[in-house]
Amino acid sequence: MTVRLGAREFGAQDLVVMAIVNRTPDSFYDRGAYLDDAAAMVAVDRAVEEGAGLVDLGGVKAGPGEPVDAAEEIARTAGFVAAVRRRHPRLVISVDTWRAEVGRAACEAGADLLNDPWQGADPGLAVVAAEHGAGLVCSHVGGLPPRTDPHRVAYDDVVADVVATVTGLAERALAVGVRQDAILVDPAHDFGKNTYHSLEVTRRLDEVAATGWPVLVAVSRKKFLGEVLDTEADDRLEASLAATAVAAWLGGRFFRAHDVHATRQVLDTVASVRGTRPPAVARRALA
């Protein structure tokens, strides 16, 4: 399925980097580095230069933390969306939000995709995406409310639960008018899952891809990778890239990442190994 978002089309063989630019003072990794507009724009410019096809702007920390109301979330995102749209007319702009009110402001400012991290907690978000011709990410969090961490979570089969949830949300989005070629699904590693669940989702990602919906993979520097190696966020790049390579091989298509250049190199290598991208140069033993 070709994915159409904003001014861009992404074919079935394309592996696409979604750069993360968090507009929050308490992000688990960048710790508020991009709350300032100028610093955030530098990050966007760098992401584009390094090969990102999308940029994902978030105004609320995913996990528990200080309360952020919709007005504050809009203040952190909507104006910056408009500035990025002016500077990069063809860049696909995503906004990470579960609130319909925030999604509407983001779309009016020029966003192309609403990245819902909380499993349709606000059903109105899909309606907003439909009204504005925007895309929608449908995620799995095991039914948790926004900004909560899992506790003793259990599934009979976590991947079966992911597949049932995201396909149901995608079908609902389609029913309310979101374009079929603008819907992505995200198994949402760490969200509503312990480390064993996230590892199982990773090694069985082909089952999620087999639904036919384009899969967004968001593993960058996440806690489950920290537990794999017993490392903090600053020391999880190699683990993130390894998980990214596995996910790309198993059918992931979009990759939300903090480290754009390294992720782009991994995805290009995977594509060349599987035969869907020629090497950048080919001289060895040919001359």
C-alpha atoms as a PDB file:
ATOM      1  CA  MET A   1       0.000   0.000   0.000  1.00  0.00           C
ATOM      2  CA  THR A   2       1.324   3.416  -0.961  1.00  0.00           C
ATOM      3  CA  VAL A   3       1.057   5.873   1.936  1.00  0.00           C
ATOM      4  CA  ARG A   4       0.115   9.460   1.075  1.00  0.00           C
ATOM      5  CA  LEU A   5       0.746  12.126   3.686  1.00  0.00           C
ATOM      6  CA  GLY A   6       0.759  15.817   2.857  1.00  0.00           C
ATOM      7  CA  ALA A   7       2.793  16.412  -0.292  1.00  0.00           C
ATOM      8  CA  ARG A   8       4.610  13.058  -0.106  1.00  0.00           C
ATOM      9  CA  GLU A   9       4.003   9.508  -1.251  1.00  0.00           C
ATOM     10  CA  PHE A  10       5.824   6.551   0.299  1.00  0.00           C
ATOM     11  CA  GLY A  11       5.863   3.289  -1.616  1.00  0.00           C
ATOM     12  CA  ALA A  12       5.609  -0.204  -0.182  1.00  0.00           C
ATOM     13  CA  GLN A  13       9.388  -0.712  -0.327  1.00  0.00           C
ATOM     14  CA  ASP A  14      10.315   2.627   1.229  1.00  0.00           C
ATOM     15  CA  LEU A  15      11.786   2.633   4.737  1.00  0.00           C
ATOM     16  CA  VAL A  16      11.090   6.040   6.239  1.00  0.00           C
ATOM     17  CA  VAL A  17      12.581   7.841   9.236  1.00  0.00           C
ATOM     18  CA  MET A  18      10.244   9.869  11.447  1.00  0.00           C
ATOM     19  CA  ALA A  19      12.446  12.268  13.412  1.00  0.00           C
ATOM     20  CA  ILE A  20      11.487  13.012  17.023  1.00  0.00           C
ATOM     21  CA  VAL A  21      11.456  16.651  18.135  1.00  0.00           C
ATOM     22  CA  ASN A  22       9.913  16.875  21.583  1.00  0.00           C
ATOM     23  CA  ARG A  23       8.553  20.264  22.625  1.00  0.00           C
ATOM     24  CA  THR A  24       8.510  19.383  26.308  1.00  0.00           C
ATOM     25  CA  PRO A  25      10.702  20.388  29.274  1.00  0.00           C
ATOM     26  CA  ASP A  26      10.756  16.847  30.706  1.00  0.00           C
ATOM     27  CA  SER A  27      11.368  14.479  27.785  1.00  0.00           C
ATOM     28  CA  PHE A  28      13.039  11.271  28.953  1.00  0.00           C
ATOM     29  CA  TYR A  29      15.907  11.610  26.458  1.00  0.00           C
ATOM     30  CA  ASP A  30      16.471  15.181  25.263  1.00  0.00           C
ATOM     31  CA  ARG A  31      15.358  16.697  28.598  1.00  0.00           C
ATOM     32  CA  GLY A  32      13.846  19.852  27.195  1.00  0.00           C
ATOM     33  CA  ALA A  33      16.501  20.621  24.582  1.00  0.00           C
ATOM     34  CA  TYR A  34      13.907  21.589  21.968  1.00  0.00           C
ATOM     35  CA  LEU A  35      11.395  23.579  23.996  1.00  0.00           C
ATOM     36  CA  ASP A  36      13.010  26.731  22.592  1.00  0.00           C
ATOM     37  CA  ASP A  37      11.750  27.474  19.066  1.00  0.00           C
ATOM     38  CA  ALA A  38      15.173  28.232  17.613  1.00  0.00           C
ATOM     39  CA  ALA A  39      16.726  25.043  18.980  1.00  0.00           C
ATOM     40  CA  ALA A  40      13.766  23.017  17.770  1.00  0.00           C
ATOM     41  CA  MET A  41      14.036  24.454  14.263  1.00  0.00           C
ATOM     42  CA  VAL A  42      17.730  23.598  14.157  1.00  0.00           C
ATOM     43  CA  ALA A  43      16.766  20.034  15.080  1.00  0.00           C
ATOM     44  CA  VAL A  44      14.164  19.921  12.303  1.00  0.00           C
ATOM     45  CA  ASP A  45      16.622  21.299   9.744  1.00  0.00           C
ATOM     46  CA  ARG A  46      19.216  18.720  10.797  1.00  0.00           C
ATOM     47  CA  ALA A  47      16.683  15.897  10.595  1.00  0.00           C
ATOM     48  CA  VAL A  48      15.719  16.883   7.050  1.00  0.00           C
ATOM     49  CA  GLU A  49      19.380  17.107   6.026  1.00  0.00           C
ATOM     50  CA  GLU A  50      20.057  13.668   7.504  1.00  0.00           C
ATOM     51  CA  GLY A  51      17.232  12.024   5.582  1.00  0.00           C
ATOM     52  CA  ALA A  52      14.050  12.143   7.664  1.00  0.00           C
ATOM     53  CA  GLY A  53      10.846  11.909   5.642  1.00  0.00           C
ATOM     54  CA  LEU A  54       8.672  12.968   8.560  1.00  0.00           C
ATOM     55  CA  VAL A  55       9.156  14.960  11.728  1.00  0.00           C
ATOM     56  CA  ASP A  56       7.065  14.155  14.818  1.00  0.00           C
ATOM     57  CA  LEU A  57       6.416  17.048  17.213  1.00  0.00           C
ATOM     58  CA  GLY A  58       5.198  16.305  20.719  1.00  0.00           C
ATOM     59  CA  GLY A  59       3.932  18.709  23.371  1.00  0.00           C
ATOM     60  CA  VAL A  60       3.414  16.311  26.284  1.00  0.00           C
ATOM     61  CA  LYS A  61       5.773  13.775  27.828  1.00  0.00           C
ATOM     62  CA  ALA A  62       4.457  10.275  27.143  1.00  0.00           C
ATOM     63  CA  GLY A  63       4.853   8.988  30.672  1.00  0.00           C
ATOM     64  CA  PRO A  64       3.690  10.284  34.050  1.00  0.00           C
ATOM     65  CA  GLY A  65       4.754  13.809  34.927  1.00  0.00           C
ATOM     66  CA  GLU A  66       3.523  17.328  35.446  1.00  0.00           C
ATOM     67  CA  PRO A  67      -0.035  17.865  34.153  1.00  0.00           C
ATOM     68  CA  VAL A  68      -0.247  19.556  30.757  1.00  0.00           C
ATOM     69  CA  ASP A  69      -3.651  20.812  29.648  1.00  0.00           C
ATOM     70  CA  ALA A  70      -4.779  21.111  26.048  1.00  0.00           C
ATOM     71  CA  ALA A  71      -4.121  24.857  25.902  1.00  0.00           C
ATOM     72  CA  GLU A  72      -0.494  24.388  26.936  1.00  0.00           C
ATOM     73  CA  GLU A  73      -0.053  21.465  24.547  1.00  0.00           C
ATOM     74  CA  ILE A  74      -1.379  23.617  21.706  1.00  0.00           C
ATOM     75  CA  ALA A  75       0.933  26.473  22.695  1.00  0.00           C
ATOM     76  CA  ARG A  76       3.927  24.136  22.491  1.00  0.00           C
ATOM     77  CA  THR A  77       3.024  22.654  19.115  1.00  0.00           C
ATOM     78  CA  ALA A  78       0.646  24.550  16.827  1.00  0.00           C
ATOM     79  CA  GLY A  79       2.676  27.712  16.269  1.00  0.00           C
ATOM     80  CA  PHE A  80       5.802  25.666  15.683  1.00  0.00           C
ATOM     81  CA  VAL A  81       3.962  23.452  13.197  1.00  0.00           C
ATOM     82  CA  ALA A  82       3.123  26.587  11.200  1.00  0.00           C
ATOM     83  CA  ALA A  83       6.763  27.725  11.308  1.00  0.00           C
ATOM     84  CA  VAL A  84       8.030  24.331  10.119  1.00  0.00           C
ATOM     85  CA  ARG A  85       5.442  24.294   7.351  1.00  0.00           C
ATOM     86  CA  ARG A  86       6.670  27.660   6.072  1.00  0.00           C
ATOM     87  CA  ARG A  87      10.303  26.572   6.197  1.00  0.00           C
ATOM     88  CA  HIS A  88       9.829  23.044   4.784  1.00  0.00           C
ATOM     89  CA  PRO A  89       6.772  23.033   2.499  1.00  0.00           C
ATOM     90  CA  ARG A  90       7.089  19.363   1.463  1.00  0.00           C
ATOM     91  CA  LEU A  91       8.123  17.890   4.804  1.00  0.00           C
ATOM     92  CA  VAL A  92       5.509  15.620   6.382  1.00  0.00           C
ATOM     93  CA  ILE A  93       4.693  17.058   9.800  1.00  0.00           C
ATOM     94  CA  SER A  94       3.278  14.774  12.476  1.00  0.00           C
ATOM     95  CA  VAL A  95       1.976  15.836  15.866  1.00  0.00           C
ATOM     96  CA  ASP A  96       2.044  13.376  18.747  1.00  0.00           C
ATOM     97  CA  THR A  97      -1.219  13.858  20.636  1.00  0.00           C
ATOM     98  CA  TRP A  98      -4.253  11.941  21.844  1.00  0.00           C
ATOM     99  CA  ARG A  99      -6.507  15.001  22.157  1.00  0.00           C
ATOM    100  CA  ALA A 100      -8.922  16.021  19.389  1.00  0.00           C
ATOM    101  CA  GLU A 101      -8.668  19.679  20.394  1.00  0.00           C
ATOM    102  CA  VAL A 102      -4.899  19.627  19.960  1.00  0.00           C
ATOM    103  CA  GLY A 103      -5.165  17.659  16.740  1.00  0.00           C
ATOM    104  CA  ARG A 104      -7.519  20.248  15.275  1.00  0.00           C
ATOM    105  CA  ALA A 105      -5.162  23.118  16.104  1.00  0.00           C
ATOM    106  CA  ALA A 106      -2.238  21.164  14.666  1.00  0.00           C
ATOM    107  CA  CYS A 107      -4.044  20.412  11.406  1.00  0.00           C
ATOM    108  CA  GLU A 108      -5.140  24.015  11.044  1.00  0.00           C
ATOM    109  CA  ALA A 109      -1.483  25.011  11.439  1.00  0.00           C
ATOM    110  CA  GLY A 110      -0.370  22.595   8.719  1.00  0.00           C
ATOM    111  CA  ALA A 111       0.132  19.127  10.256  1.00  0.00           C
ATOM    112  CA  ASP A 112      -0.237  16.153   7.922  1.00  0.00           C
ATOM    113  CA  LEU A 113      -0.414  13.304  10.441  1.00  0.00           C
ATOM    114  CA  LEU A 114      -1.842  12.861  13.931  1.00  0.00           C
ATOM    115  CA  ASN A 115       0.217  10.350  15.884  1.00  0.00           C
ATOM    116  CA  ASP A 116      -2.146   9.041  18.559  1.00  0.00           C
ATOM    117  CA  PRO A 117      -0.047   7.292  21.230  1.00  0.00           C
ATOM    118  CA  TRP A 118      -2.969   6.257  23.443  1.00  0.00           C
ATOM    119  CA  GLN A 119      -5.188   3.852  21.508  1.00  0.00           C
ATOM    120  CA  GLY A 120      -8.023   6.194  20.605  1.00  0.00           C
ATOM    121  CA  ALA A 121      -8.486   7.549  24.126  1.00  0.00           C
ATOM    122  CA  ASP A 122     -10.235  10.510  22.493  1.00  0.00           C
ATOM    123  CA  PRO A 123     -12.334   9.080  19.633  1.00  0.00           C
ATOM    124  CA  GLY A 124     -12.709  12.591  18.247  1.00  0.00           C
ATOM    125  CA  LEU A 125      -9.088  12.593  17.087  1.00  0.00           C
ATOM    126  CA  ALA A 126      -9.897  10.283  14.171  1.00  0.00           C
ATOM    127  CA  VAL A 127     -12.808  12.542  13.214  1.00  0.00           C
ATOM    128  CA  VAL A 128     -10.461  15.555  13.201  1.00  0.00           C
ATOM    129  CA  ALA A 129      -8.023  13.693  10.946  1.00  0.00           C
ATOM    130  CA  ALA A 130     -10.853  12.879   8.549  1.00  0.00           C
ATOM    131  CA  GLU A 131     -12.150  16.455   8.502  1.00  0.00           C
ATOM    132  CA  HIS A 132      -8.717  17.844   7.633  1.00  0.00           C
ATOM    133  CA  GLY A 133      -7.555  15.128   5.240  1.00  0.00           C
ATOM    134  CA  ALA A 134      -4.756  14.217   7.650  1.00  0.00           C
ATOM    135  CA  GLY A 135      -3.319  10.817   8.423  1.00  0.00           C
ATOM    136  CA  LEU A 136      -3.719   8.932  11.687  1.00  0.00           C
ATOM    137  CA  VAL A 137      -1.529   6.544  13.672  1.00  0.00           C
ATOM    138  CA  CYS A 138      -3.480   3.808  15.472  1.00  0.00           C
ATOM    139  CA  SER A 139      -1.590   2.408  18.452  1.00  0.00           C
ATOM    140  CA  HIS A 140      -1.876  -0.360  21.047  1.00  0.00           C
ATOM    141  CA  VAL A 141      -1.475   0.380  24.750  1.00  0.00           C
ATOM    142  CA  GLY A 142      -3.482  -2.431  26.303  1.00  0.00           C
ATOM    143  CA  GLY A 143      -6.303  -0.120  27.319  1.00  0.00           C
ATOM    144  CA  LEU A 144      -4.233   2.129  29.585  1.00  0.00           C
ATOM    145  CA  PRO A 145      -5.344   5.759  30.029  1.00  0.00           C
ATOM    146  CA  PRO A 146      -2.968   8.462  28.764  1.00  0.00           C
ATOM    147  CA  ARG A 147       0.338   9.054  30.562  1.00  0.00           C
ATOM    148  CA  THR A 148       0.232   5.938  32.728  1.00  0.00           C
ATOM    149  CA  ASP A 149       2.812   3.177  33.018  1.00  0.00           C
ATOM    150  CA  PRO A 150       1.887  -0.520  32.887  1.00  0.00           C
ATOM    151  CA  HIS A 151       1.824  -2.496  36.138  1.00  0.00           C
ATOM    152  CA  ARG A 152       1.768  -6.308  36.180  1.00  0.00           C
ATOM    153  CA  VAL A 153       0.233  -6.243  32.712  1.00  0.00           C
ATOM    154  CA  ALA A 154      -0.565  -9.645  31.190  1.00  0.00           C
ATOM    155  CA  TYR A 155      -1.810 -10.949  27.838  1.00  0.00           C
ATOM    156  CA  ASP A 156      -2.719 -14.437  26.647  1.00  0.00           C
ATOM    157  CA  ASP A 157      -0.942 -13.446  23.409  1.00  0.00           C
ATOM    158  CA  VAL A 158       0.400  -9.912  23.233  1.00  0.00           C
ATOM    159  CA  VAL A 159       0.794  -9.905  19.448  1.00  0.00           C
ATOM    160  CA  ALA A 160      -2.754 -11.161  18.899  1.00  0.00           C
ATOM    161  CA  ASP A 161      -3.953  -8.368  21.174  1.00  0.00           C
ATOM    162  CA  VAL A 162      -1.905  -5.811  19.225  1.00  0.00           C
ATOM    163  CA  VAL A 163      -3.261  -7.025  15.892  1.00  0.00           C
ATOM    164  CA  ALA A 164      -6.884  -7.026  17.049  1.00  0.00           C
ATOM    165  CA  THR A 165      -6.586  -3.584  18.604  1.00  0.00           C
ATOM    166  CA  VAL A 166      -4.787  -1.718  15.840  1.00  0.00           C
ATOM    167  CA  THR A 167      -6.835  -3.242  13.033  1.00  0.00           C
ATOM    168  CA  GLY A 168     -10.022  -2.360  14.898  1.00  0.00           C
ATOM    169  CA  LEU A 169      -8.869   1.232  15.327  1.00  0.00           C
ATOM    170  CA  ALA A 170      -7.797   1.440  11.683  1.00  0.00           C
ATOM    171  CA  GLU A 171     -11.182   0.171  10.526  1.00  0.00           C
ATOM    172  CA  ARG A 172     -12.947   2.701  12.753  1.00  0.00           C
ATOM    173  CA  ALA A 173     -10.760   5.483  11.342  1.00  0.00           C
ATOM    174  CA  LEU A 174     -11.672   4.374   7.841  1.00  0.00           C
ATOM    175  CA  ALA A 175     -15.358   4.356   8.794  1.00  0.00           C
ATOM    176  CA  VAL A 176     -15.270   7.971  10.027  1.00  0.00           C
ATOM    177  CA  GLY A 177     -13.571   9.160   6.845  1.00  0.00           C
ATOM    178  CA  VAL A 178      -9.795   8.924   7.301  1.00  0.00           C
ATOM    179  CA  ARG A 179      -8.253   7.961   3.965  1.00  0.00           C
ATOM    180  CA  GLN A 180      -7.113   4.345   3.752  1.00  0.00           C
ATOM    181  CA  ASP A 181      -3.730   5.423   2.380  1.00  0.00           C
ATOM    182  CA  ALA A 182      -3.146   7.738   5.363  1.00  0.00           C
ATOM    183  CA  ILE A 183      -3.557   5.239   8.223  1.00  0.00           C
ATOM    184  CA  LEU A 184      -0.564   3.726  10.025  1.00  0.00           C
ATOM    185  CA  VAL A 185      -0.548   1.212  12.881  1.00  0.00           C
ATOM    186  CA  ASP A 186       1.899   1.175  15.790  1.00  0.00           C
ATOM    187  CA  PRO A 187       2.345  -1.774  18.176  1.00  0.00           C
ATOM    188  CA  ALA A 188       3.699   0.830  20.634  1.00  0.00           C
ATOM    189  CA  HIS A 189       6.681  -0.809  22.298  1.00  0.00           C
ATOM    190  CA  ASP A 190       6.821  -0.143  26.066  1.00  0.00           C
ATOM    191  CA  PHE A 191       3.276   1.281  26.152  1.00  0.00           C
ATOM    192  CA  GLY A 192       1.074  -1.130  28.096  1.00  0.00           C
ATOM    193  CA  LYS A 193       3.828  -3.758  27.882  1.00  0.00           C
ATOM    194  CA  ASN A 194       6.686  -5.124  29.931  1.00  0.00           C
ATOM    195  CA  THR A 195      10.086  -5.851  28.408  1.00  0.00           C
ATOM    196  CA  TYR A 196       9.186  -9.433  27.461  1.00  0.00           C
ATOM    197  CA  HIS A 197       6.083  -8.183  25.638  1.00  0.00           C
ATOM    198  CA  SER A 198       8.035  -5.572  23.685  1.00  0.00           C
ATOM    199  CA  LEU A 199      10.663  -8.136  22.691  1.00  0.00           C
ATOM    200  CA  GLU A 200       7.959 -10.543  21.533  1.00  0.00           C
ATOM    201  CA  VAL A 201       6.261  -7.820  19.499  1.00  0.00           C
ATOM    202  CA  THR A 202       9.610  -7.077  17.857  1.00  0.00           C
ATOM    203  CA  ARG A 203      10.394 -10.647  16.836  1.00  0.00           C
ATOM    204  CA  ARG A 204       6.822 -11.216  15.626  1.00  0.00           C
ATOM    205  CA  LEU A 205       6.416  -7.875  13.877  1.00  0.00           C
ATOM    206  CA  ASP A 206       5.766  -9.701  10.605  1.00  0.00           C
ATOM    207  CA  GLU A 207       2.374 -10.684  12.039  1.00  0.00           C
ATOM    208  CA  VAL A 208       1.491  -7.022  12.503  1.00  0.00           C
ATOM    209  CA  ALA A 209       2.751  -6.209   9.005  1.00  0.00           C
ATOM    210  CA  ALA A 210       0.653  -9.072   7.626  1.00  0.00           C
ATOM    211  CA  THR A 211      -2.499  -7.085   8.469  1.00  0.00           C
ATOM    212  CA  GLY A 212      -1.719  -4.967   5.392  1.00  0.00           C
ATOM    213  CA  TRP A 213      -1.685  -1.724   7.347  1.00  0.00           C
ATOM    214  CA  PRO A 214       1.648   0.165   7.166  1.00  0.00           C
ATOM    215  CA  VAL A 215       3.527  -0.309  10.426  1.00  0.00           C
ATOM    216  CA  LEU A 216       5.170   2.491  12.402  1.00  0.00           C
ATOM    217  CA  VAL A 217       7.917   1.248  14.716  1.00  0.00           C
ATOM    218  CA  ALA A 218       8.943   3.374  17.708  1.00  0.00           C
ATOM    219  CA  VAL A 219      11.770   1.674  19.591  1.00  0.00           C
ATOM    220  CA  SER A 220      14.305   4.494  19.804  1.00  0.00           C
ATOM    221  CA  ARG A 221      16.123   4.442  23.168  1.00  0.00           C
ATOM    222  CA  LYS A 222      13.102   2.924  24.915  1.00  0.00           C
ATOM    223  CA  LYS A 223      13.048   1.358  28.360  1.00  0.00           C
ATOM    224  CA  PHE A 224      12.722  -2.238  27.176  1.00  0.00           C
ATOM    225  CA  LEU A 225      16.031  -1.863  25.336  1.00  0.00           C
ATOM    226  CA  GLY A 226      17.523  -0.348  28.466  1.00  0.00           C
ATOM    227  CA  GLU A 227      16.478  -3.470  30.377  1.00  0.00           C
ATOM    228  CA  VAL A 228      17.910  -5.738  27.680  1.00  0.00           C
ATOM    229  CA  LEU A 229      21.378  -4.272  28.295  1.00  0.00           C
ATOM    230  CA  ASP A 230      20.867  -2.593  31.708  1.00  0.00           C
ATOM    231  CA  THR A 231      21.667   0.846  30.282  1.00  0.00           C
ATOM    232  CA  GLU A 232      20.293   4.364  30.589  1.00  0.00           C
ATOM    233  CA  ALA A 233      18.751   6.281  27.671  1.00  0.00           C
ATOM    234  CA  ASP A 234      22.052   7.917  26.717  1.00  0.00           C
ATOM    235  CA  ASP A 235      23.588   4.487  26.093  1.00  0.00           C
ATOM    236  CA  ARG A 236      20.872   2.763  24.066  1.00  0.00           C
ATOM    237  CA  LEU A 237      21.781   3.748  20.505  1.00  0.00           C
ATOM    238  CA  GLU A 238      23.236   0.391  19.455  1.00  0.00           C
ATOM    239  CA  ALA A 239      20.285  -1.490  20.919  1.00  0.00           C
ATOM    240  CA  SER A 240      17.884   0.869  19.153  1.00  0.00           C
ATOM    241  CA  LEU A 241      19.603   0.319  15.818  1.00  0.00           C
ATOM    242  CA  ALA A 242      19.640  -3.463  16.247  1.00  0.00           C
ATOM    243  CA  ALA A 243      15.911  -3.513  17.002  1.00  0.00           C
ATOM    244  CA  THR A 244      15.294  -1.160  14.077  1.00  0.00           C
ATOM    245  CA  ALA A 245      17.107  -3.503  11.681  1.00  0.00           C
ATOM    246  CA  VAL A 246      15.079  -6.492  12.884  1.00  0.00           C
ATOM    247  CA  ALA A 247      11.823  -4.555  12.594  1.00  0.00           C
ATOM    248  CA  ALA A 248      12.680  -3.330   9.089  1.00  0.00           C
ATOM    249  CA  TRP A 249      13.468  -6.867   7.956  1.00  0.00           C
ATOM    250  CA  LEU A 250      10.143  -8.095   9.363  1.00  0.00           C
ATOM    251  CA  GLY A 251       8.007  -5.497   7.608  1.00  0.00           C
ATOM    252  CA  GLY A 252       8.149  -2.212   9.502  1.00  0.00           C
ATOM    253  CA  ARG A 253       7.960   0.790   7.185  1.00  0.00           C
ATOM    254  CA  PHE A 254       8.152   3.955   9.291  1.00  0.00           C
ATOM    255  CA  PHE A 255      10.657   4.376  12.125  1.00  0.00           C
ATOM    256  CA  ARG A 256      10.314   7.002  14.835  1.00  0.00           C
ATOM    257  CA  ALA A 257      13.853   7.870  15.906  1.00  0.00           C
ATOM    258  CA  HIS A 258      15.968  10.289  17.902  1.00  0.00           C
ATOM    259  CA  ASP A 259      19.114   9.512  15.870  1.00  0.00           C
ATOM    260  CA  VAL A 260      18.179  10.223  12.266  1.00  0.00           C
ATOM    261  CA  HIS A 261      21.540   9.771  10.530  1.00  0.00           C
ATOM    262  CA  ALA A 262      22.320   6.435  12.175  1.00  0.00           C
ATOM    263  CA  THR A 263      18.779   5.147  11.647  1.00  0.00           C
ATOM    264  CA  ARG A 264      18.841   6.207   7.982  1.00  0.00           C
ATOM    265  CA  GLN A 265      22.086   4.272   7.467  1.00  0.00           C
ATOM    266  CA  VAL A 266      20.655   1.154   9.082  1.00  0.00           C
ATOM    267  CA  LEU A 267      17.496   1.299   6.969  1.00  0.00           C
ATOM    268  CA  ASP A 268      19.456   1.852   3.756  1.00  0.00           C
ATOM    269  CA  THR A 269      21.628  -1.142   4.577  1.00  0.00           C
ATOM    270  CA  VAL A 270      18.615  -3.348   5.289  1.00  0.00           C
ATOM    271  CA  ALA A 271      17.025  -2.257   2.005  1.00  0.00           C
ATOM    272  CA  SER A 272      20.208  -3.053   0.071  1.00  0.00           C
ATOM    273  CA  VAL A 273      20.547  -6.476   1.712  1.00  0.00           C
ATOM    274  CA  ARG A 274      16.976  -7.394   0.829  1.00  0.00           C
ATOM    275  CA  GLY A 275      17.475  -6.105  -2.722  1.00  0.00           C
ATOM    276  CA  THR A 276      15.105  -3.145  -2.826  1.00  0.00           C
ATOM    277  CA  ARG A 277      17.823  -0.464  -2.873  1.00  0.00           C
ATOM    278  CA  PRO A 278      21.006  -0.503  -4.963  1.00  0.00           C
ATOM    279  CA  PRO A 279      24.309   0.292  -3.234  1.00  0.00           C
ATOM    280  CA  ALA A 280      25.243   3.980  -3.318  1.00  0.00           C
ATOM    281  CA  VAL A 281      28.366   2.944  -5.269  1.00  0.00           C
ATOM    282  CA  ALA A 282      29.503  -0.407  -6.664  1.00  0.00           C
ATOM    283  CA  ARG A 283      33.182  -0.520  -7.620  1.00  0.00           C
ATOM    284  CA  ARG A 284      34.726  -3.399  -5.721  1.00  0.00           C
ATOM    285  CA  ALA A 285      35.870  -6.216  -8.052  1.00  0.00           C
ATOM    286  CA  LEU A 286      34.000  -4.627 -10.964  1.00  0.00           C
ATOM    287  CA  ALA A 287      36.817  -2.615 -12.516  1.00  0.00           C
END
